[in-house]
Amino acid sequence: MLEINNIHKTFNIGTINEKKALNGVTLYLDEGDFVTVIGGNGAGKSTMLNAVAGVWPIDSGSIIIDGNDVTGLPEHKRAPYLGRVFQDPMNGTTATMEIQENLALAARRGQRRTLRWGITKPEKARYRTLLKSLDLGLEDRMSSKVGLLSGGQRQAVTLLMATLKKPKLLLLDEHTAALDPKTAAKVLELSDKIIAENNLTAMMVTHNMRDAIVHGNRLIMMNEGQIILDIKGEEKKKLSVEDLLQKFEEVSGEEFANDKALLG
């Protein structure tokens, strides 16, 4: 479903601030894979995710989604393939619009616009059912402005919006980092449920080692713009944070120095 072939990305080339963010990253995701991505600050996690999304062009290599080479496509032309949930709960929704209006926007993405905007009864019934599945009481607040919701509720709505049209690939970029621990756990639970029920292919960047181990069927660790660990199956199920730290040290030759990840 996703092929990342030997991609490179360097920022600020030829200046004192030159930074090699991706250094020959190669990664293949099968349909239905849920991959968690962990690594220290500057390891290349979010850079890789943004490269897939087309936020910026890569210097070399290729990116293929469901057999379609999207390497040269700008961000808006990759959007039909992707669902995205960002770190900031404010980024995925329109605060001044109702919950049901936000969902309608997501459901009609890519369709030809007409003068008709009204949300039909069947649409409202579908949105009510979807919101009820979140178990947050939002099905009774469909006409509420999204700006009135908590950060966790907004992320839950954003998850629904990102997956309404079953994207080829769901990208979760530290989507619980701005939430308190209890709310983050609820959003992660919802993420697992939505991904499993829709058999989505997903990639989740996280700073939390425990979350990276518990969620998904595959874990990759990045360091200095490269993938240094790729763990799946029974090996992943048996992993502990201590195991992961030891593996990091064995492969990289250095200690993992990211308090945020260790304390998460």
C-alpha atoms as a PDB file:
ATOM      1  CA  MET A   1       0.000   0.000   0.000  1.00  0.00           C
ATOM      2  CA  LEU A   2       2.962   2.310   0.641  1.00  0.00           C
ATOM      3  CA  GLU A   3       6.441   2.132  -0.898  1.00  0.00           C
ATOM      4  CA  ILE A   4       9.096   4.572   0.276  1.00  0.00           C
ATOM      5  CA  ASN A   5      12.178   3.964  -1.850  1.00  0.00           C
ATOM      6  CA  ASN A   6      15.536   5.379  -0.731  1.00  0.00           C
ATOM      7  CA  ILE A   7      14.310   8.904  -0.062  1.00  0.00           C
ATOM      8  CA  HIS A   8      16.622  11.763   0.916  1.00  0.00           C
ATOM      9  CA  LYS A   9      15.811  15.221   2.242  1.00  0.00           C
ATOM     10  CA  THR A  10      18.206  17.968   3.295  1.00  0.00           C
ATOM     11  CA  PHE A  11      17.033  21.352   4.548  1.00  0.00           C
ATOM     12  CA  ASN A  12      18.914  24.654   4.095  1.00  0.00           C
ATOM     13  CA  ILE A  13      21.459  23.148   1.681  1.00  0.00           C
ATOM     14  CA  GLY A  14      24.721  25.055   1.489  1.00  0.00           C
ATOM     15  CA  THR A  15      24.083  27.144   4.618  1.00  0.00           C
ATOM     16  CA  ILE A  16      25.357  26.964   8.173  1.00  0.00           C
ATOM     17  CA  ASN A  17      21.954  25.511   9.123  1.00  0.00           C
ATOM     18  CA  GLU A  18      22.143  22.593   6.670  1.00  0.00           C
ATOM     19  CA  LYS A  19      20.365  19.575   8.125  1.00  0.00           C
ATOM     20  CA  LYS A  20      20.156  16.119   6.559  1.00  0.00           C
ATOM     21  CA  ALA A  21      16.709  15.050   7.765  1.00  0.00           C
ATOM     22  CA  LEU A  22      16.222  11.854   5.712  1.00  0.00           C
ATOM     23  CA  ASN A  23      19.182   9.766   4.640  1.00  0.00           C
ATOM     24  CA  GLY A  24      18.105   6.924   2.373  1.00  0.00           C
ATOM     25  CA  VAL A  25      14.836   5.871   4.039  1.00  0.00           C
ATOM     26  CA  THR A  26      13.228   2.740   2.559  1.00  0.00           C
ATOM     27  CA  LEU A  27       9.980   1.368   3.959  1.00  0.00           C
ATOM     28  CA  TYR A  28       7.180  -0.845   2.606  1.00  0.00           C
ATOM     29  CA  LEU A  29       3.740  -1.130   4.206  1.00  0.00           C
ATOM     30  CA  ASP A  30       1.343  -3.932   3.301  1.00  0.00           C
ATOM     31  CA  GLU A  31      -2.388  -3.308   3.218  1.00  0.00           C
ATOM     32  CA  GLY A  32      -3.711  -3.339   6.783  1.00  0.00           C
ATOM     33  CA  ASP A  33      -0.332  -2.621   8.410  1.00  0.00           C
ATOM     34  CA  PHE A  34      -0.477  -0.289  11.420  1.00  0.00           C
ATOM     35  CA  VAL A  35       3.070   0.947  11.927  1.00  0.00           C
ATOM     36  CA  THR A  36       4.210   3.017  14.888  1.00  0.00           C
ATOM     37  CA  VAL A  37       7.262   5.245  14.409  1.00  0.00           C
ATOM     38  CA  ILE A  38       9.516   6.156  17.350  1.00  0.00           C
ATOM     39  CA  GLY A  39      12.780   8.051  17.620  1.00  0.00           C
ATOM     40  CA  GLY A  40      14.521  10.933  19.358  1.00  0.00           C
ATOM     41  CA  ASN A  41      14.229  14.598  18.483  1.00  0.00           C
ATOM     42  CA  GLY A  42      15.456  15.205  14.939  1.00  0.00           C
ATOM     43  CA  ALA A  43      15.420  11.493  14.071  1.00  0.00           C
ATOM     44  CA  GLY A  44      13.314  12.130  10.952  1.00  0.00           C
ATOM     45  CA  LYS A  45       9.919  10.799  12.078  1.00  0.00           C
ATOM     46  CA  SER A  46       7.720  13.747  11.168  1.00  0.00           C
ATOM     47  CA  THR A  47       9.905  14.607   8.184  1.00  0.00           C
ATOM     48  CA  MET A  48       9.182  11.165   6.725  1.00  0.00           C
ATOM     49  CA  LEU A  49       5.447  11.555   7.378  1.00  0.00           C
ATOM     50  CA  ASN A  50       5.415  15.011   5.765  1.00  0.00           C
ATOM     51  CA  ALA A  51       7.384  13.689   2.793  1.00  0.00           C
ATOM     52  CA  VAL A  52       4.673  11.060   2.233  1.00  0.00           C
ATOM     53  CA  ALA A  53       1.993  13.746   2.547  1.00  0.00           C
ATOM     54  CA  GLY A  54       3.773  16.011   0.055  1.00  0.00           C
ATOM     55  CA  VAL A  55       4.301  18.906   2.453  1.00  0.00           C
ATOM     56  CA  TRP A  56       7.668  19.395   0.759  1.00  0.00           C
ATOM     57  CA  PRO A  57       9.420  17.715  -2.174  1.00  0.00           C
ATOM     58  CA  ILE A  58      12.101  15.126  -1.489  1.00  0.00           C
ATOM     59  CA  ASP A  59      15.593  15.482  -2.962  1.00  0.00           C
ATOM     60  CA  SER A  60      15.694  11.963  -4.388  1.00  0.00           C
ATOM     61  CA  GLY A  61      13.977   8.591  -4.209  1.00  0.00           C
ATOM     62  CA  SER A  62      10.314   7.767  -4.775  1.00  0.00           C
ATOM     63  CA  ILE A  63       7.013   7.440  -2.912  1.00  0.00           C
ATOM     64  CA  ILE A  64       4.286   5.127  -4.210  1.00  0.00           C
ATOM     65  CA  ILE A  65       0.803   4.807  -2.671  1.00  0.00           C
ATOM     66  CA  ASP A  66      -1.359   1.858  -3.756  1.00  0.00           C
ATOM     67  CA  GLY A  67       0.649   1.515  -6.968  1.00  0.00           C
ATOM     68  CA  ASN A  68       0.462   5.232  -7.823  1.00  0.00           C
ATOM     69  CA  ASP A  69       3.742   7.146  -7.986  1.00  0.00           C
ATOM     70  CA  VAL A  70       3.025  10.363  -6.063  1.00  0.00           C
ATOM     71  CA  THR A  71       6.638  11.539  -5.802  1.00  0.00           C
ATOM     72  CA  GLY A  72       6.122  14.587  -8.005  1.00  0.00           C
ATOM     73  CA  LEU A  73       2.597  15.437  -6.832  1.00  0.00           C
ATOM     74  CA  PRO A  74       1.960  18.489  -4.617  1.00  0.00           C
ATOM     75  CA  GLU A  75       0.213  18.100  -1.294  1.00  0.00           C
ATOM     76  CA  HIS A  76      -3.336  18.839  -2.513  1.00  0.00           C
ATOM     77  CA  LYS A  77      -3.096  16.208  -5.269  1.00  0.00           C
ATOM     78  CA  ARG A  78      -2.063  13.528  -2.761  1.00  0.00           C
ATOM     79  CA  ALA A  79      -4.997  14.359  -0.471  1.00  0.00           C
ATOM     80  CA  PRO A  80      -7.402  11.839  -2.111  1.00  0.00           C
ATOM     81  CA  TYR A  81      -5.071   9.009  -1.044  1.00  0.00           C
ATOM     82  CA  LEU A  82      -4.526  10.185   2.520  1.00  0.00           C
ATOM     83  CA  GLY A  83      -6.221  10.812   5.831  1.00  0.00           C
ATOM     84  CA  ARG A  84      -4.272  12.900   8.342  1.00  0.00           C
ATOM     85  CA  VAL A  85      -4.572  13.771  12.020  1.00  0.00           C
ATOM     86  CA  PHE A  86      -2.172  16.413  13.308  1.00  0.00           C
ATOM     87  CA  GLN A  87      -0.600  17.049  16.715  1.00  0.00           C
ATOM     88  CA  ASP A  88      -2.609  20.230  17.252  1.00  0.00           C
ATOM     89  CA  PRO A  89      -6.334  19.428  17.759  1.00  0.00           C
ATOM     90  CA  MET A  90      -7.155  22.800  16.176  1.00  0.00           C
ATOM     91  CA  ASN A  91      -5.675  21.821  12.796  1.00  0.00           C
ATOM     92  CA  GLY A  92      -8.074  19.119  11.678  1.00  0.00           C
ATOM     93  CA  THR A  93     -11.416  20.868  12.044  1.00  0.00           C
ATOM     94  CA  THR A  94     -13.113  24.212  11.368  1.00  0.00           C
ATOM     95  CA  ALA A  95     -13.950  25.755  14.749  1.00  0.00           C
ATOM     96  CA  THR A  96     -16.752  28.036  13.556  1.00  0.00           C
ATOM     97  CA  MET A  97     -18.700  25.238  11.864  1.00  0.00           C
ATOM     98  CA  GLU A  98     -20.974  22.644  13.470  1.00  0.00           C
ATOM     99  CA  ILE A  99     -19.820  19.083  14.128  1.00  0.00           C
ATOM    100  CA  GLN A 100     -22.161  17.774  11.429  1.00  0.00           C
ATOM    101  CA  GLU A 101     -20.947  20.426   8.962  1.00  0.00           C
ATOM    102  CA  ASN A 102     -17.322  19.400   9.534  1.00  0.00           C
ATOM    103  CA  LEU A 103     -18.250  15.774   8.893  1.00  0.00           C
ATOM    104  CA  ALA A 104     -20.166  16.760   5.750  1.00  0.00           C
ATOM    105  CA  LEU A 105     -17.121  18.616   4.442  1.00  0.00           C
ATOM    106  CA  ALA A 106     -15.007  15.495   4.922  1.00  0.00           C
ATOM    107  CA  ALA A 107     -17.636  13.223   3.363  1.00  0.00           C
ATOM    108  CA  ARG A 108     -17.912  15.419   0.262  1.00  0.00           C
ATOM    109  CA  ARG A 109     -14.190  15.925  -0.217  1.00  0.00           C
ATOM    110  CA  GLY A 110     -13.277  15.527  -3.858  1.00  0.00           C
ATOM    111  CA  GLN A 111     -16.867  15.853  -5.071  1.00  0.00           C
ATOM    112  CA  ARG A 112     -18.024  18.608  -7.378  1.00  0.00           C
ATOM    113  CA  ARG A 113     -19.352  21.603  -5.437  1.00  0.00           C
ATOM    114  CA  THR A 114     -22.916  22.773  -6.054  1.00  0.00           C
ATOM    115  CA  LEU A 115     -25.143  25.509  -4.668  1.00  0.00           C
ATOM    116  CA  ARG A 116     -26.843  22.941  -2.452  1.00  0.00           C
ATOM    117  CA  TRP A 117     -25.281  22.678   0.984  1.00  0.00           C
ATOM    118  CA  GLY A 118     -28.025  21.296   3.220  1.00  0.00           C
ATOM    119  CA  ILE A 119     -27.184  18.069   5.062  1.00  0.00           C
ATOM    120  CA  THR A 120     -29.731  15.385   4.200  1.00  0.00           C
ATOM    121  CA  LYS A 121     -31.572  13.206   6.729  1.00  0.00           C
ATOM    122  CA  PRO A 122     -29.645  10.060   5.671  1.00  0.00           C
ATOM    123  CA  GLU A 123     -26.368  11.951   6.122  1.00  0.00           C
ATOM    124  CA  LYS A 124     -27.403  13.128   9.584  1.00  0.00           C
ATOM    125  CA  ALA A 125     -28.369   9.591  10.544  1.00  0.00           C
ATOM    126  CA  ARG A 126     -24.984   8.300   9.403  1.00  0.00           C
ATOM    127  CA  TYR A 127     -23.095  11.001  11.297  1.00  0.00           C
ATOM    128  CA  ARG A 128     -25.124  10.320  14.435  1.00  0.00           C
ATOM    129  CA  THR A 129     -24.224   6.631  14.256  1.00  0.00           C
ATOM    130  CA  LEU A 130     -20.540   7.398  13.721  1.00  0.00           C
ATOM    131  CA  LEU A 131     -20.438   9.899  16.574  1.00  0.00           C
ATOM    132  CA  LYS A 132     -22.239   7.494  18.896  1.00  0.00           C
ATOM    133  CA  SER A 133     -19.499   4.920  18.252  1.00  0.00           C
ATOM    134  CA  LEU A 134     -17.030   7.361  19.866  1.00  0.00           C
ATOM    135  CA  ASP A 135     -18.894   7.069  23.183  1.00  0.00           C
ATOM    136  CA  LEU A 136     -18.336  10.768  23.923  1.00  0.00           C
ATOM    137  CA  GLY A 137     -21.940  11.972  23.799  1.00  0.00           C
ATOM    138  CA  LEU A 138     -21.287  13.958  20.622  1.00  0.00           C
ATOM    139  CA  GLU A 139     -24.204  12.355  18.779  1.00  0.00           C
ATOM    140  CA  ASP A 140     -26.472  14.656  20.822  1.00  0.00           C
ATOM    141  CA  ARG A 141     -24.396  17.741  20.011  1.00  0.00           C
ATOM    142  CA  MET A 142     -24.206  17.556  16.220  1.00  0.00           C
ATOM    143  CA  SER A 143     -25.251  21.186  15.810  1.00  0.00           C
ATOM    144  CA  SER A 144     -22.653  22.440  18.322  1.00  0.00           C
ATOM    145  CA  LYS A 145     -19.748  24.480  17.010  1.00  0.00           C
ATOM    146  CA  VAL A 146     -16.545  22.426  16.980  1.00  0.00           C
ATOM    147  CA  GLY A 147     -14.731  25.298  18.704  1.00  0.00           C
ATOM    148  CA  LEU A 148     -16.710  24.506  21.872  1.00  0.00           C
ATOM    149  CA  LEU A 149     -15.281  20.969  22.111  1.00  0.00           C
ATOM    150  CA  SER A 150     -12.342  19.866  24.222  1.00  0.00           C
ATOM    151  CA  GLY A 151      -9.039  18.958  22.568  1.00  0.00           C
ATOM    152  CA  GLY A 152      -9.753  15.245  22.893  1.00  0.00           C
ATOM    153  CA  GLN A 153     -13.244  15.588  21.439  1.00  0.00           C
ATOM    154  CA  ARG A 154     -11.849  17.574  18.505  1.00  0.00           C
ATOM    155  CA  GLN A 155      -9.223  14.905  17.832  1.00  0.00           C
ATOM    156  CA  ALA A 156     -11.940  12.238  17.909  1.00  0.00           C
ATOM    157  CA  VAL A 157     -13.984  14.210  15.362  1.00  0.00           C
ATOM    158  CA  THR A 158     -10.832  14.724  13.264  1.00  0.00           C
ATOM    159  CA  LEU A 159     -10.246  10.948  13.305  1.00  0.00           C
ATOM    160  CA  LEU A 160     -13.753  10.407  11.953  1.00  0.00           C
ATOM    161  CA  MET A 161     -13.235  13.070   9.289  1.00  0.00           C
ATOM    162  CA  ALA A 162      -9.888  11.589   8.227  1.00  0.00           C
ATOM    163  CA  THR A 163     -11.361   8.103   7.811  1.00  0.00           C
ATOM    164  CA  LEU A 164     -14.885   8.797   6.481  1.00  0.00           C
ATOM    165  CA  LYS A 165     -13.852   8.015   2.910  1.00  0.00           C
ATOM    166  CA  LYS A 166     -11.496   5.145   3.853  1.00  0.00           C
ATOM    167  CA  PRO A 167      -8.142   6.591   2.750  1.00  0.00           C
ATOM    168  CA  LYS A 168      -5.442   4.411   1.240  1.00  0.00           C
ATOM    169  CA  LEU A 169      -3.170   5.540   4.067  1.00  0.00           C
ATOM    170  CA  LEU A 170      -3.893   7.144   7.458  1.00  0.00           C
ATOM    171  CA  LEU A 171      -1.141   9.370   8.867  1.00  0.00           C
ATOM    172  CA  LEU A 172      -1.190  10.122  12.597  1.00  0.00           C
ATOM    173  CA  ASP A 173       1.446  12.706  13.513  1.00  0.00           C
ATOM    174  CA  GLU A 174       1.842  12.652  17.309  1.00  0.00           C
ATOM    175  CA  HIS A 175      -1.919  13.129  17.432  1.00  0.00           C
ATOM    176  CA  THR A 176      -2.139  12.650  21.208  1.00  0.00           C
ATOM    177  CA  ALA A 177       0.928  14.691  22.209  1.00  0.00           C
ATOM    178  CA  ALA A 178      -1.101  17.794  23.126  1.00  0.00           C
ATOM    179  CA  LEU A 179      -3.629  15.865  25.231  1.00  0.00           C
ATOM    180  CA  ASP A 180      -3.628  14.918  28.907  1.00  0.00           C
ATOM    181  CA  PRO A 181      -2.809  11.224  29.601  1.00  0.00           C
ATOM    182  CA  LYS A 182      -6.416  10.103  30.170  1.00  0.00           C
ATOM    183  CA  THR A 183      -7.714  11.837  27.041  1.00  0.00           C
ATOM    184  CA  ALA A 184      -4.721  10.607  25.012  1.00  0.00           C
ATOM    185  CA  ALA A 185      -5.482   7.018  26.032  1.00  0.00           C
ATOM    186  CA  LYS A 186      -9.112   7.438  24.888  1.00  0.00           C
ATOM    187  CA  VAL A 187      -8.077   8.880  21.510  1.00  0.00           C
ATOM    188  CA  LEU A 188      -5.571   6.035  21.016  1.00  0.00           C
ATOM    189  CA  GLU A 189      -8.306   3.518  21.860  1.00  0.00           C
ATOM    190  CA  LEU A 190     -10.545   5.136  19.242  1.00  0.00           C
ATOM    191  CA  SER A 191      -7.685   5.116  16.724  1.00  0.00           C
ATOM    192  CA  ASP A 192      -7.180   1.371  17.233  1.00  0.00           C
ATOM    193  CA  LYS A 193     -10.921   0.746  16.839  1.00  0.00           C
ATOM    194  CA  ILE A 194     -11.342   2.818  13.659  1.00  0.00           C
ATOM    195  CA  ILE A 195      -8.215   1.374  12.025  1.00  0.00           C
ATOM    196  CA  ALA A 196      -9.230  -2.222  12.826  1.00  0.00           C
ATOM    197  CA  GLU A 197     -12.901  -1.865  11.814  1.00  0.00           C
ATOM    198  CA  ASN A 198     -11.988  -0.297   8.463  1.00  0.00           C
ATOM    199  CA  ASN A 199      -8.867  -2.427   7.855  1.00  0.00           C
ATOM    200  CA  LEU A 200      -6.894   0.771   7.264  1.00  0.00           C
ATOM    201  CA  THR A 201      -3.199   1.013   6.531  1.00  0.00           C
ATOM    202  CA  ALA A 202      -1.801   3.476   9.050  1.00  0.00           C
ATOM    203  CA  MET A 203       1.430   5.065  10.209  1.00  0.00           C
ATOM    204  CA  MET A 204       1.568   6.706  13.647  1.00  0.00           C
ATOM    205  CA  VAL A 205       4.456   8.898  14.760  1.00  0.00           C
ATOM    206  CA  THR A 206       4.741   9.020  18.542  1.00  0.00           C
ATOM    207  CA  HIS A 207       7.224  10.204  21.150  1.00  0.00           C
ATOM    208  CA  ASN A 208       5.928   7.641  23.647  1.00  0.00           C
ATOM    209  CA  MET A 209       7.758   4.302  23.651  1.00  0.00           C
ATOM    210  CA  ARG A 210       5.022   2.478  25.522  1.00  0.00           C
ATOM    211  CA  ASP A 211       2.398   3.629  23.019  1.00  0.00           C
ATOM    212  CA  ALA A 212       4.657   2.589  20.144  1.00  0.00           C
ATOM    213  CA  ILE A 213       4.939  -0.899  21.636  1.00  0.00           C
ATOM    214  CA  VAL A 214       1.284  -1.372  22.617  1.00  0.00           C
ATOM    215  CA  HIS A 215      -0.333  -0.083  19.413  1.00  0.00           C
ATOM    216  CA  GLY A 216      -0.020  -1.389  15.865  1.00  0.00           C
ATOM    217  CA  ASN A 217       1.367  -4.615  14.432  1.00  0.00           C
ATOM    218  CA  ARG A 218       4.777  -3.195  13.560  1.00  0.00           C
ATOM    219  CA  LEU A 219       7.251  -0.747  15.097  1.00  0.00           C
ATOM    220  CA  ILE A 220      10.059   1.125  13.413  1.00  0.00           C
ATOM    221  CA  MET A 221      12.683   3.252  15.140  1.00  0.00           C
ATOM    222  CA  MET A 222      14.494   6.078  13.405  1.00  0.00           C
ATOM    223  CA  ASN A 223      17.812   7.749  14.182  1.00  0.00           C
ATOM    224  CA  GLU A 224      19.655  10.449  12.233  1.00  0.00           C
ATOM    225  CA  GLY A 225      17.315  10.221   9.262  1.00  0.00           C
ATOM    226  CA  GLN A 226      17.442   6.447   8.902  1.00  0.00           C
ATOM    227  CA  ILE A 227      15.349   3.464   9.970  1.00  0.00           C
ATOM    228  CA  ILE A 228      17.499   1.451  12.376  1.00  0.00           C
ATOM    229  CA  LEU A 229      14.920  -1.001  13.761  1.00  0.00           C
ATOM    230  CA  ASP A 230      11.889  -2.701  12.201  1.00  0.00           C
ATOM    231  CA  ILE A 231      10.086  -5.012  14.630  1.00  0.00           C
ATOM    232  CA  LYS A 232       6.883  -6.928  13.965  1.00  0.00           C
ATOM    233  CA  GLY A 233       4.886 -10.035  14.839  1.00  0.00           C
ATOM    234  CA  GLU A 234       5.637 -12.021  17.989  1.00  0.00           C
ATOM    235  CA  GLU A 235       8.848 -10.083  18.601  1.00  0.00           C
ATOM    236  CA  LYS A 236       6.867  -6.840  18.882  1.00  0.00           C
ATOM    237  CA  LYS A 237       4.244  -8.388  21.168  1.00  0.00           C
ATOM    238  CA  LYS A 238       6.963  -9.399  23.636  1.00  0.00           C
ATOM    239  CA  LEU A 239       8.796  -6.063  23.560  1.00  0.00           C
ATOM    240  CA  SER A 240       9.358  -3.931  26.635  1.00  0.00           C
ATOM    241  CA  VAL A 241      10.738  -0.397  26.839  1.00  0.00           C
ATOM    242  CA  GLU A 242      13.956  -1.850  28.254  1.00  0.00           C
ATOM    243  CA  ASP A 243      14.250  -4.230  25.271  1.00  0.00           C
ATOM    244  CA  LEU A 244      13.740  -1.349  22.878  1.00  0.00           C
ATOM    245  CA  LEU A 245      16.388   0.784  24.567  1.00  0.00           C
ATOM    246  CA  GLN A 246      18.862  -2.089  24.469  1.00  0.00           C
ATOM    247  CA  LYS A 247      18.187  -2.721  20.784  1.00  0.00           C
ATOM    248  CA  PHE A 248      18.645   0.983  20.039  1.00  0.00           C
ATOM    249  CA  GLU A 249      22.025   1.002  21.773  1.00  0.00           C
ATOM    250  CA  GLU A 250      23.145  -2.167  19.970  1.00  0.00           C
ATOM    251  CA  VAL A 251      22.247  -0.827  16.539  1.00  0.00           C
ATOM    252  CA  SER A 252      23.241   2.827  16.936  1.00  0.00           C
ATOM    253  CA  GLY A 253      26.180   2.480  19.303  1.00  0.00           C
ATOM    254  CA  GLU A 254      24.794   5.203  21.567  1.00  0.00           C
ATOM    255  CA  GLU A 255      22.277   5.671  24.385  1.00  0.00           C
ATOM    256  CA  PHE A 256      18.762   6.816  23.594  1.00  0.00           C
ATOM    257  CA  ALA A 257      18.609  10.378  24.906  1.00  0.00           C
ATOM    258  CA  ASN A 258      15.013  11.584  24.835  1.00  0.00           C
ATOM    259  CA  ASP A 259      13.433  12.112  28.238  1.00  0.00           C
ATOM    260  CA  LYS A 260      10.005  12.775  26.726  1.00  0.00           C
ATOM    261  CA  ALA A 261       9.957   9.318  25.151  1.00  0.00           C
ATOM    262  CA  LEU A 262      11.339   7.565  28.212  1.00  0.00           C
ATOM    263  CA  LEU A 263       8.969   9.213  30.683  1.00  0.00           C
ATOM    264  CA  GLY A 264       5.873   9.001  28.450  1.00  0.00           C
END
